[in-house]
Amino acid sequence: RVSMARALIGKPDLIILDEPSTGVDRKSQEGIYSLLCELNQVHHITIISVEHNLEMALANSTNIYHIANGQGHLCSPEQYASEIMHSTGRNPMD
């Protein structure tokens, strides 16, 4: 949280995060993503985040860039969830 606050002092156009939901409880994760969504929507700050928490990524992203086996793929969260369901037979939000 302190790092995020410090980063915002300079009024950046872009914020890059590495797993912002790691190591915090569910309520804190939701608070972090609520703040990030506000920064993006209200203050027009672009957010790029590496995130292994699939549920948080799908619920809070406008675009997903998935990298696997050296290949990258840009899609919407809905497209990504559909691809996961198709390839694994399970809903990633469950």
PDB file of N, CA and C in Angstrom:
ATOM      1  N   ARG A   1       0.821  -1.198   0.000  1.00  0.00           N
ATOM      2  CA  ARG A   1       0.000   0.000   0.000  1.00  0.00           C
ATOM      3  C   ARG A   1       0.861   1.257   0.000  1.00  0.00           C
ATOM      4  N   VAL A   2       1.900   1.217   0.793  1.00  0.00           N
ATOM      5  CA  VAL A   2       2.795   2.371   0.852  1.00  0.00           C
ATOM      6  C   VAL A   2       3.456   2.586  -0.500  1.00  0.00           C
ATOM      7  N   SER A   3       3.865   1.505  -1.145  1.00  0.00           N
ATOM      8  CA  SER A   3       4.496   1.617  -2.462  1.00  0.00           C
ATOM      9  C   SER A   3       3.534   2.213  -3.475  1.00  0.00           C
ATOM     10  N   MET A   4       2.269   1.790  -3.403  1.00  0.00           N
ATOM     11  CA  MET A   4       1.275   2.333  -4.328  1.00  0.00           C
ATOM     12  C   MET A   4       1.062   3.817  -4.068  1.00  0.00           C
ATOM     13  N   ALA A   5       0.962   4.201  -2.810  1.00  0.00           N
ATOM     14  CA  ALA A   5       0.764   5.610  -2.463  1.00  0.00           C
ATOM     15  C   ALA A   5       1.946   6.451  -2.935  1.00  0.00           C
ATOM     16  N   ARG A   6       3.139   5.928  -2.730  1.00  0.00           N
ATOM     17  CA  ARG A   6       4.352   6.637  -3.152  1.00  0.00           C
ATOM     18  C   ARG A   6       4.370   6.812  -4.674  1.00  0.00           C
ATOM     19  N   ALA A   7       3.940   5.787  -5.396  1.00  0.00           N
ATOM     20  CA  ALA A   7       3.927   5.846  -6.858  1.00  0.00           C
ATOM     21  C   ALA A   7       2.938   6.885  -7.379  1.00  0.00           C
ATOM     22  N   LEU A   8       1.871   7.125  -6.641  1.00  0.00           N
ATOM     23  CA  LEU A   8       0.836   8.054  -7.095  1.00  0.00           C
ATOM     24  C   LEU A   8       1.192   9.522  -6.883  1.00  0.00           C
ATOM     25  N   ILE A   9       2.181   9.792  -6.062  1.00  0.00           N
ATOM     26  CA  ILE A   9       2.558  11.180  -5.768  1.00  0.00           C
ATOM     27  C   ILE A   9       2.924  11.940  -7.042  1.00  0.00           C
ATOM     28  N   GLY A  10       3.592  11.288  -7.961  1.00  0.00           N
ATOM     29  CA  GLY A  10       4.023  11.941  -9.196  1.00  0.00           C
ATOM     30  C   GLY A  10       2.961  12.027 -10.274  1.00  0.00           C
ATOM     31  N   LYS A  11       1.728  11.616  -9.987  1.00  0.00           N
ATOM     32  CA  LYS A  11       0.617  11.631 -10.948  1.00  0.00           C
ATOM     33  C   LYS A  11       1.013  10.953 -12.267  1.00  0.00           C
ATOM     34  N   PRO A  12       1.294   9.658 -12.208  1.00  0.00           N
ATOM     35  CA  PRO A  12       1.760   8.946 -13.403  1.00  0.00           C
ATOM     36  C   PRO A  12       0.636   8.706 -14.416  1.00  0.00           C
ATOM     37  N   ASP A  13       1.017   8.494 -15.671  1.00  0.00           N
ATOM     38  CA  ASP A  13       0.077   8.089 -16.713  1.00  0.00           C
ATOM     39  C   ASP A  13      -0.034   6.574 -16.779  1.00  0.00           C
ATOM     40  N   LEU A  14       0.954   5.880 -16.207  1.00  0.00           N
ATOM     41  CA  LEU A  14       1.047   4.426 -16.279  1.00  0.00           C
ATOM     42  C   LEU A  14       1.553   3.880 -14.948  1.00  0.00           C
ATOM     43  N   ILE A  15       0.913   2.806 -14.486  1.00  0.00           N
ATOM     44  CA  ILE A  15       1.375   2.093 -13.292  1.00  0.00           C
ATOM     45  C   ILE A  15       1.569   0.636 -13.681  1.00  0.00           C
ATOM     46  N   ILE A  16       2.725   0.070 -13.352  1.00  0.00           N
ATOM     47  CA  ILE A  16       3.013  -1.341 -13.607  1.00  0.00           C
ATOM     48  C   ILE A  16       3.134  -2.038 -12.260  1.00  0.00           C
ATOM     49  N   LEU A  17       2.366  -3.115 -12.088  1.00  0.00           N
ATOM     50  CA  LEU A  17       2.318  -3.835 -10.812  1.00  0.00           C
ATOM     51  C   LEU A  17       2.692  -5.296 -11.005  1.00  0.00           C
ATOM     52  N   ASP A  18       3.335  -5.868 -10.006  1.00  0.00           N
ATOM     53  CA  ASP A  18       3.679  -7.286 -10.015  1.00  0.00           C
ATOM     54  C   ASP A  18       2.890  -7.978  -8.911  1.00  0.00           C
ATOM     55  N   GLU A  19       1.866  -8.691  -9.287  1.00  0.00           N
ATOM     56  CA  GLU A  19       1.007  -9.461  -8.382  1.00  0.00           C
ATOM     57  C   GLU A  19       0.527  -8.646  -7.175  1.00  0.00           C
ATOM     58  N   PRO A  20      -0.276  -7.621  -7.413  1.00  0.00           N
ATOM     59  CA  PRO A  20      -0.728  -6.770  -6.309  1.00  0.00           C
ATOM     60  C   PRO A  20      -1.629  -7.469  -5.294  1.00  0.00           C
ATOM     61  N   SER A  21      -2.218  -8.608  -5.649  1.00  0.00           N
ATOM     62  CA  SER A  21      -3.114  -9.290  -4.702  1.00  0.00           C
ATOM     63  C   SER A  21      -2.419 -10.384  -3.895  1.00  0.00           C
ATOM     64  N   THR A  22      -1.134 -10.609  -4.139  1.00  0.00           N
ATOM     65  CA  THR A  22      -0.406 -11.661  -3.433  1.00  0.00           C
ATOM     66  C   THR A  22      -0.099 -11.250  -1.998  1.00  0.00           C
ATOM     67  N   GLY A  23      -0.361 -12.166  -1.074  1.00  0.00           N
ATOM     68  CA  GLY A  23       0.010 -11.959   0.318  1.00  0.00           C
ATOM     69  C   GLY A  23      -0.941 -11.102   1.128  1.00  0.00           C
ATOM     70  N   VAL A  24      -2.112 -10.800   0.577  1.00  0.00           N
ATOM     71  CA  VAL A  24      -3.102 -10.026   1.332  1.00  0.00           C
ATOM     72  C   VAL A  24      -4.427 -10.781   1.364  1.00  0.00           C
ATOM     73  N   ASP A  25      -5.246 -10.492   2.361  1.00  0.00           N
ATOM     74  CA  ASP A  25      -6.530 -11.180   2.479  1.00  0.00           C
ATOM     75  C   ASP A  25      -7.508 -10.703   1.409  1.00  0.00           C
ATOM     76  N   ARG A  26      -8.615 -11.426   1.306  1.00  0.00           N
ATOM     77  CA  ARG A  26      -9.617 -11.168   0.262  1.00  0.00           C
ATOM     78  C   ARG A  26     -10.127  -9.718   0.305  1.00  0.00           C
ATOM     79  N   LYS A  27     -10.425  -9.222   1.492  1.00  0.00           N
ATOM     80  CA  LYS A  27     -10.940  -7.858   1.627  1.00  0.00           C
ATOM     81  C   LYS A  27      -9.913  -6.839   1.123  1.00  0.00           C
ATOM     82  N   SER A  28      -8.653  -7.054   1.448  1.00  0.00           N
ATOM     83  CA  SER A  28      -7.589  -6.157   0.981  1.00  0.00           C
ATOM     84  C   SER A  28      -7.409  -6.253  -0.532  1.00  0.00           C
ATOM     85  N   GLN A  29      -7.525  -7.467  -1.085  1.00  0.00           N
ATOM     86  CA  GLN A  29      -7.452  -7.638  -2.537  1.00  0.00           C
ATOM     87  C   GLN A  29      -8.529  -6.811  -3.221  1.00  0.00           C
ATOM     88  N   GLU A  30      -9.745  -6.904  -2.699  1.00  0.00           N
ATOM     89  CA  GLU A  30     -10.856  -6.151  -3.281  1.00  0.00           C
ATOM     90  C   GLU A  30     -10.614  -4.652  -3.165  1.00  0.00           C
ATOM     91  N   GLY A  31     -10.051  -4.211  -2.040  1.00  0.00           N
ATOM     92  CA  GLY A  31      -9.730  -2.795  -1.863  1.00  0.00           C
ATOM     93  C   GLY A  31      -8.675  -2.315  -2.842  1.00  0.00           C
ATOM     94  N   ILE A  32      -7.654  -3.135  -3.046  1.00  0.00           N
ATOM     95  CA  ILE A  32      -6.589  -2.787  -3.993  1.00  0.00           C
ATOM     96  C   ILE A  32      -7.166  -2.640  -5.390  1.00  0.00           C
ATOM     97  N   TYR A  33      -7.966  -3.624  -5.806  1.00  0.00           N
ATOM     98  CA  TYR A  33      -8.519  -3.571  -7.155  1.00  0.00           C
ATOM     99  C   TYR A  33      -9.568  -2.484  -7.309  1.00  0.00           C
ATOM    100  N   SER A  34     -10.277  -2.160  -6.249  1.00  0.00           N
ATOM    101  CA  SER A  34     -11.220  -1.045  -6.296  1.00  0.00           C
ATOM    102  C   SER A  34     -10.464   0.260  -6.551  1.00  0.00           C
ATOM    103  N   LEU A  35      -9.355   0.441  -5.848  1.00  0.00           N
ATOM    104  CA  LEU A  35      -8.521   1.628  -6.047  1.00  0.00           C
ATOM    105  C   LEU A  35      -7.957   1.665  -7.464  1.00  0.00           C
ATOM    106  N   LEU A  36      -7.458   0.535  -7.947  1.00  0.00           N
ATOM    107  CA  LEU A  36      -6.891   0.489  -9.294  1.00  0.00           C
ATOM    108  C   LEU A  36      -7.939   0.808 -10.351  1.00  0.00           C
ATOM    109  N   CYS A  37      -9.147   0.283 -10.181  1.00  0.00           N
ATOM    110  CA  CYS A  37     -10.229   0.573 -11.130  1.00  0.00           C
ATOM    111  C   CYS A  37     -10.568   2.060 -11.114  1.00  0.00           C
ATOM    112  N   GLU A  38     -10.598   2.654  -9.927  1.00  0.00           N
ATOM    113  CA  GLU A  38     -10.872   4.094  -9.824  1.00  0.00           C
ATOM    114  C   GLU A  38      -9.767   4.904 -10.498  1.00  0.00           C
ATOM    115  N   LEU A  39      -8.531   4.537 -10.263  1.00  0.00           N
ATOM    116  CA  LEU A  39      -7.414   5.242 -10.896  1.00  0.00           C
ATOM    117  C   LEU A  39      -7.517   5.167 -12.414  1.00  0.00           C
ATOM    118  N   ASN A  40      -7.918   4.016 -12.917  1.00  0.00           N
ATOM    119  CA  ASN A  40      -8.048   3.828 -14.353  1.00  0.00           C
ATOM    120  C   ASN A  40      -9.238   4.597 -14.917  1.00  0.00           C
ATOM    121  N   GLN A  41     -10.395   4.448 -14.301  1.00  0.00           N
ATOM    122  CA  GLN A  41     -11.620   5.017 -14.858  1.00  0.00           C
ATOM    123  C   GLN A  41     -11.767   6.512 -14.597  1.00  0.00           C
ATOM    124  N   VAL A  42     -11.413   6.968 -13.415  1.00  0.00           N
ATOM    125  CA  VAL A  42     -11.611   8.375 -13.050  1.00  0.00           C
ATOM    126  C   VAL A  42     -10.412   9.238 -13.439  1.00  0.00           C
ATOM    127  N   HIS A  43      -9.216   8.721 -13.194  1.00  0.00           N
ATOM    128  CA  HIS A  43      -8.004   9.512 -13.423  1.00  0.00           C
ATOM    129  C   HIS A  43      -7.289   9.141 -14.724  1.00  0.00           C
ATOM    130  N   HIS A  44      -7.845   8.177 -15.465  1.00  0.00           N
ATOM    131  CA  HIS A  44      -7.327   7.771 -16.780  1.00  0.00           C
ATOM    132  C   HIS A  44      -5.870   7.321 -16.729  1.00  0.00           C
ATOM    133  N   ILE A  45      -5.533   6.603 -15.661  1.00  0.00           N
ATOM    134  CA  ILE A  45      -4.195   6.035 -15.523  1.00  0.00           C
ATOM    135  C   ILE A  45      -4.229   4.609 -16.073  1.00  0.00           C
ATOM    136  N   THR A  46      -3.318   4.295 -16.963  1.00  0.00           N
ATOM    137  CA  THR A  46      -3.214   2.943 -17.500  1.00  0.00           C
ATOM    138  C   THR A  46      -2.560   2.056 -16.450  1.00  0.00           C
ATOM    139  N   ILE A  47      -3.154   0.878 -16.222  1.00  0.00           N
ATOM    140  CA  ILE A  47      -2.638  -0.075 -15.244  1.00  0.00           C
ATOM    141  C   ILE A  47      -2.207  -1.338 -15.988  1.00  0.00           C
ATOM    142  N   ILE A  48      -0.978  -1.748 -15.802  1.00  0.00           N
ATOM    143  CA  ILE A  48      -0.485  -3.026 -16.318  1.00  0.00           C
ATOM    144  C   ILE A  48      -0.091  -3.847 -15.106  1.00  0.00           C
ATOM    145  N   SER A  49      -0.641  -5.051 -15.018  1.00  0.00           N
ATOM    146  CA  SER A  49      -0.400  -5.868 -13.829  1.00  0.00           C
ATOM    147  C   SER A  49      -0.120  -7.316 -14.203  1.00  0.00           C
ATOM    148  N   VAL A  50       0.933  -7.864 -13.620  1.00  0.00           N
ATOM    149  CA  VAL A  50       1.157  -9.308 -13.670  1.00  0.00           C
ATOM    150  C   VAL A  50       0.331  -9.872 -12.527  1.00  0.00           C
ATOM    151  N   GLU A  51      -0.526 -10.842 -12.825  1.00  0.00           N
ATOM    152  CA  GLU A  51      -1.425 -11.353 -11.785  1.00  0.00           C
ATOM    153  C   GLU A  51      -1.658 -12.840 -11.993  1.00  0.00           C
ATOM    154  N   HIS A  52      -1.350 -13.632 -10.964  1.00  0.00           N
ATOM    155  CA  HIS A  52      -1.617 -15.064 -11.021  1.00  0.00           C
ATOM    156  C   HIS A  52      -2.950 -15.422 -10.386  1.00  0.00           C
ATOM    157  N   ASN A  53      -3.580 -14.472  -9.722  1.00  0.00           N
ATOM    158  CA  ASN A  53      -4.903 -14.689  -9.143  1.00  0.00           C
ATOM    159  C   ASN A  53      -5.912 -14.497 -10.268  1.00  0.00           C
ATOM    160  N   LEU A  54      -6.287 -15.606 -10.908  1.00  0.00           N
ATOM    161  CA  LEU A  54      -7.136 -15.567 -12.089  1.00  0.00           C
ATOM    162  C   LEU A  54      -8.478 -14.905 -11.812  1.00  0.00           C
ATOM    163  N   GLU A  55      -9.055 -15.182 -10.664  1.00  0.00           N
ATOM    164  CA  GLU A  55     -10.347 -14.585 -10.325  1.00  0.00           C
ATOM    165  C   GLU A  55     -10.252 -13.056 -10.294  1.00  0.00           C
ATOM    166  N   MET A  56      -9.240 -12.522  -9.642  1.00  0.00           N
ATOM    167  CA  MET A  56      -9.063 -11.068  -9.572  1.00  0.00           C
ATOM    168  C   MET A  56      -8.782 -10.487 -10.958  1.00  0.00           C
ATOM    169  N   ALA A  57      -7.948 -11.166 -11.725  1.00  0.00           N
ATOM    170  CA  ALA A  57      -7.613 -10.678 -13.067  1.00  0.00           C
ATOM    171  C   ALA A  57      -8.851 -10.622 -13.956  1.00  0.00           C
ATOM    172  N   LEU A  58      -9.646 -11.677 -13.948  1.00  0.00           N
ATOM    173  CA  LEU A  58     -10.834 -11.711 -14.798  1.00  0.00           C
ATOM    174  C   LEU A  58     -11.880 -10.694 -14.360  1.00  0.00           C
ATOM    175  N   ALA A  59     -12.036 -10.513 -13.066  1.00  0.00           N
ATOM    176  CA  ALA A  59     -13.070  -9.606 -12.548  1.00  0.00           C
ATOM    177  C   ALA A  59     -12.703  -8.133 -12.704  1.00  0.00           C
ATOM    178  N   ASN A  60     -11.422  -7.819 -12.834  1.00  0.00           N
ATOM    179  CA  ASN A  60     -11.003  -6.416 -12.779  1.00  0.00           C
ATOM    180  C   ASN A  60     -10.219  -5.927 -13.988  1.00  0.00           C
ATOM    181  N   SER A  61     -10.203  -6.680 -15.058  1.00  0.00           N
ATOM    182  CA  SER A  61      -9.408  -6.294 -16.228  1.00  0.00           C
ATOM    183  C   SER A  61     -10.290  -5.934 -17.409  1.00  0.00           C
ATOM    184  N   THR A  62      -9.792  -5.028 -18.234  1.00  0.00           N
ATOM    185  CA  THR A  62     -10.472  -4.744 -19.497  1.00  0.00           C
ATOM    186  C   THR A  62      -9.846  -5.548 -20.628  1.00  0.00           C
ATOM    187  N   ASN A  63      -8.579  -5.918 -20.466  1.00  0.00           N
ATOM    188  CA  ASN A  63      -7.870  -6.760 -21.426  1.00  0.00           C
ATOM    189  C   ASN A  63      -6.972  -7.722 -20.667  1.00  0.00           C
ATOM    190  N   ILE A  64      -6.822  -8.915 -21.227  1.00  0.00           N
ATOM    191  CA  ILE A  64      -5.920  -9.925 -20.670  1.00  0.00           C
ATOM    192  C   ILE A  64      -4.882 -10.238 -21.751  1.00  0.00           C
ATOM    193  N   TYR A  65      -3.616 -10.199 -21.386  1.00  0.00           N
ATOM    194  CA  TYR A  65      -2.560 -10.641 -22.282  1.00  0.00           C
ATOM    195  C   TYR A  65      -1.971 -11.884 -21.643  1.00  0.00           C
ATOM    196  N   HIS A  66      -2.313 -13.029 -22.196  1.00  0.00           N
ATOM    197  CA  HIS A  66      -1.917 -14.320 -21.641  1.00  0.00           C
ATOM    198  C   HIS A  66      -0.672 -14.804 -22.372  1.00  0.00           C
ATOM    199  N   ILE A  67       0.339 -15.188 -21.610  1.00  0.00           N
ATOM    200  CA  ILE A  67       1.571 -15.714 -22.191  1.00  0.00           C
ATOM    201  C   ILE A  67       1.739 -17.154 -21.740  1.00  0.00           C
ATOM    202  N   ALA A  68       1.889 -18.050 -22.705  1.00  0.00           N
ATOM    203  CA  ALA A  68       2.120 -19.469 -22.409  1.00  0.00           C
ATOM    204  C   ALA A  68       2.956 -20.067 -23.532  1.00  0.00           C
ATOM    205  N   ASN A  69       3.935 -20.859 -23.169  1.00  0.00           N
ATOM    206  CA  ASN A  69       4.794 -21.541 -24.138  1.00  0.00           C
ATOM    207  C   ASN A  69       5.414 -20.569 -25.145  1.00  0.00           C
ATOM    208  N   GLY A  70       5.802 -19.396 -24.668  1.00  0.00           N
ATOM    209  CA  GLY A  70       6.448 -18.422 -25.530  1.00  0.00           C
ATOM    210  C   GLY A  70       5.521 -17.668 -26.463  1.00  0.00           C
ATOM    211  N   GLN A  71       4.227 -17.900 -26.355  1.00  0.00           N
ATOM    212  CA  GLN A  71       3.256 -17.240 -27.216  1.00  0.00           C
ATOM    213  C   GLN A  71       2.378 -16.305 -26.395  1.00  0.00           C
ATOM    214  N   GLY A  72       2.071 -15.133 -26.935  1.00  0.00           N
ATOM    215  CA  GLY A  72       1.198 -14.182 -26.263  1.00  0.00           C
ATOM    216  C   GLY A  72      -0.123 -14.054 -26.991  1.00  0.00           C
ATOM    217  N   HIS A  73      -1.171 -13.770 -26.230  1.00  0.00           N
ATOM    218  CA  HIS A  73      -2.504 -13.643 -26.814  1.00  0.00           C
ATOM    219  C   HIS A  73      -3.266 -12.560 -26.060  1.00  0.00           C
ATOM    220  N   LEU A  74      -3.756 -11.543 -26.772  1.00  0.00           N
ATOM    221  CA  LEU A  74      -4.536 -10.462 -26.182  1.00  0.00           C
ATOM    222  C   LEU A  74      -6.015 -10.737 -26.390  1.00  0.00           C
ATOM    223  N   CYS A  75      -6.797 -10.651 -25.326  1.00  0.00           N
ATOM    224  CA  CYS A  75      -8.235 -10.882 -25.435  1.00  0.00           C
ATOM    225  C   CYS A  75      -8.961 -10.202 -24.279  1.00  0.00           C
ATOM    226  N   SER A  76     -10.277 -10.228 -24.346  1.00  0.00           N
ATOM    227  CA  SER A  76     -11.083  -9.698 -23.246  1.00  0.00           C
ATOM    228  C   SER A  76     -11.131 -10.742 -22.137  1.00  0.00           C
ATOM    229  N   PRO A  77     -11.478 -10.337 -20.909  1.00  0.00           N
ATOM    230  CA  PRO A  77     -11.619 -11.326 -19.835  1.00  0.00           C
ATOM    231  C   PRO A  77     -12.645 -12.408 -20.182  1.00  0.00           C
ATOM    232  N   GLU A  78     -13.722 -12.014 -20.859  1.00  0.00           N
ATOM    233  CA  GLU A  78     -14.754 -12.986 -21.240  1.00  0.00           C
ATOM    234  C   GLU A  78     -14.213 -14.009 -22.234  1.00  0.00           C
ATOM    235  N   GLN A  79     -13.446 -13.547 -23.223  1.00  0.00           N
ATOM    236  CA  GLN A  79     -12.842 -14.461 -24.192  1.00  0.00           C
ATOM    237  C   GLN A  79     -11.868 -15.408 -23.500  1.00  0.00           C
ATOM    238  N   TYR A  80     -11.086 -14.880 -22.589  1.00  0.00           N
ATOM    239  CA  TYR A  80     -10.104 -15.692 -21.886  1.00  0.00           C
ATOM    240  C   TYR A  80     -10.784 -16.761 -21.048  1.00  0.00           C
ATOM    241  N   ALA A  81     -11.827 -16.387 -20.307  1.00  0.00           N
ATOM    242  CA  ALA A  81     -12.568 -17.354 -19.493  1.00  0.00           C
ATOM    243  C   ALA A  81     -13.165 -18.439 -20.378  1.00  0.00           C
ATOM    244  N   SER A  82     -13.701 -18.046 -21.533  1.00  0.00           N
ATOM    245  CA  SER A  82     -14.281 -19.014 -22.464  1.00  0.00           C
ATOM    246  C   SER A  82     -13.221 -19.976 -22.990  1.00  0.00           C
ATOM    247  N   GLU A  83     -12.040 -19.454 -23.320  1.00  0.00           N
ATOM    248  CA  GLU A  83     -10.947 -20.310 -23.803  1.00  0.00           C
ATOM    249  C   GLU A  83     -10.508 -21.300 -22.733  1.00  0.00           C
ATOM    250  N   ILE A  84     -10.421 -20.851 -21.484  1.00  0.00           N
ATOM    251  CA  ILE A  84     -10.040 -21.742 -20.382  1.00  0.00           C
ATOM    252  C   ILE A  84     -11.093 -22.832 -20.219  1.00  0.00           C
ATOM    253  N   MET A  85     -12.373 -22.438 -20.254  1.00  0.00           N
ATOM    254  CA  MET A  85     -13.445 -23.432 -20.116  1.00  0.00           C
ATOM    255  C   MET A  85     -13.360 -24.457 -21.238  1.00  0.00           C
ATOM    256  N   HIS A  86     -13.112 -23.973 -22.455  1.00  0.00           N
ATOM    257  CA  HIS A  86     -13.050 -24.873 -23.605  1.00  0.00           C
ATOM    258  C   HIS A  86     -11.870 -25.841 -23.490  1.00  0.00           C
ATOM    259  N   SER A  87     -10.718 -25.345 -23.065  1.00  0.00           N
ATOM    260  CA  SER A  87      -9.530 -26.198 -23.025  1.00  0.00           C
ATOM    261  C   SER A  87      -9.455 -27.090 -21.790  1.00  0.00           C
ATOM    262  N   THR A  88     -10.057 -26.668 -20.677  1.00  0.00           N
ATOM    263  CA  THR A  88      -9.951 -27.452 -19.443  1.00  0.00           C
ATOM    264  C   THR A  88     -11.264 -28.081 -19.002  1.00  0.00           C
ATOM    265  N   GLY A  89     -12.374 -27.580 -19.548  1.00  0.00           N
ATOM    266  CA  GLY A  89     -13.678 -28.103 -19.138  1.00  0.00           C
ATOM    267  C   GLY A  89     -14.160 -27.552 -17.808  1.00  0.00           C
ATOM    268  N   ARG A  90     -13.492 -26.522 -17.295  1.00  0.00           N
ATOM    269  CA  ARG A  90     -13.938 -25.932 -16.026  1.00  0.00           C
ATOM    270  C   ARG A  90     -14.016 -24.416 -16.153  1.00  0.00           C
ATOM    271  N   ASN A  91     -14.887 -23.833 -15.349  1.00  0.00           N
ATOM    272  CA  ASN A  91     -15.044 -22.390 -15.327  1.00  0.00           C
ATOM    273  C   ASN A  91     -13.966 -21.804 -14.421  1.00  0.00           C
ATOM    274  N   PRO A  92     -13.109 -20.916 -14.927  1.00  0.00           N
ATOM    275  CA  PRO A  92     -12.040 -20.367 -14.092  1.00  0.00           C
ATOM    276  C   PRO A  92     -12.548 -19.500 -12.947  1.00  0.00           C
ATOM    277  N   MET A  93     -13.800 -19.104 -12.979  1.00  0.00           N
ATOM    278  CA  MET A  93     -14.359 -18.284 -11.910  1.00  0.00           C
ATOM    279  C   MET A  93     -14.911 -19.130 -10.770  1.00  0.00           C
ATOM    280  N   ASP A  94     -14.965 -20.452 -10.953  1.00  0.00           N
ATOM    281  CA  ASP A  94     -15.459 -21.344  -9.884  1.00  0.00           C
ATOM    282  C   ASP A  94     -14.356 -21.680  -8.906  1.00  0.00           C
TER     283      ASP A  94
END
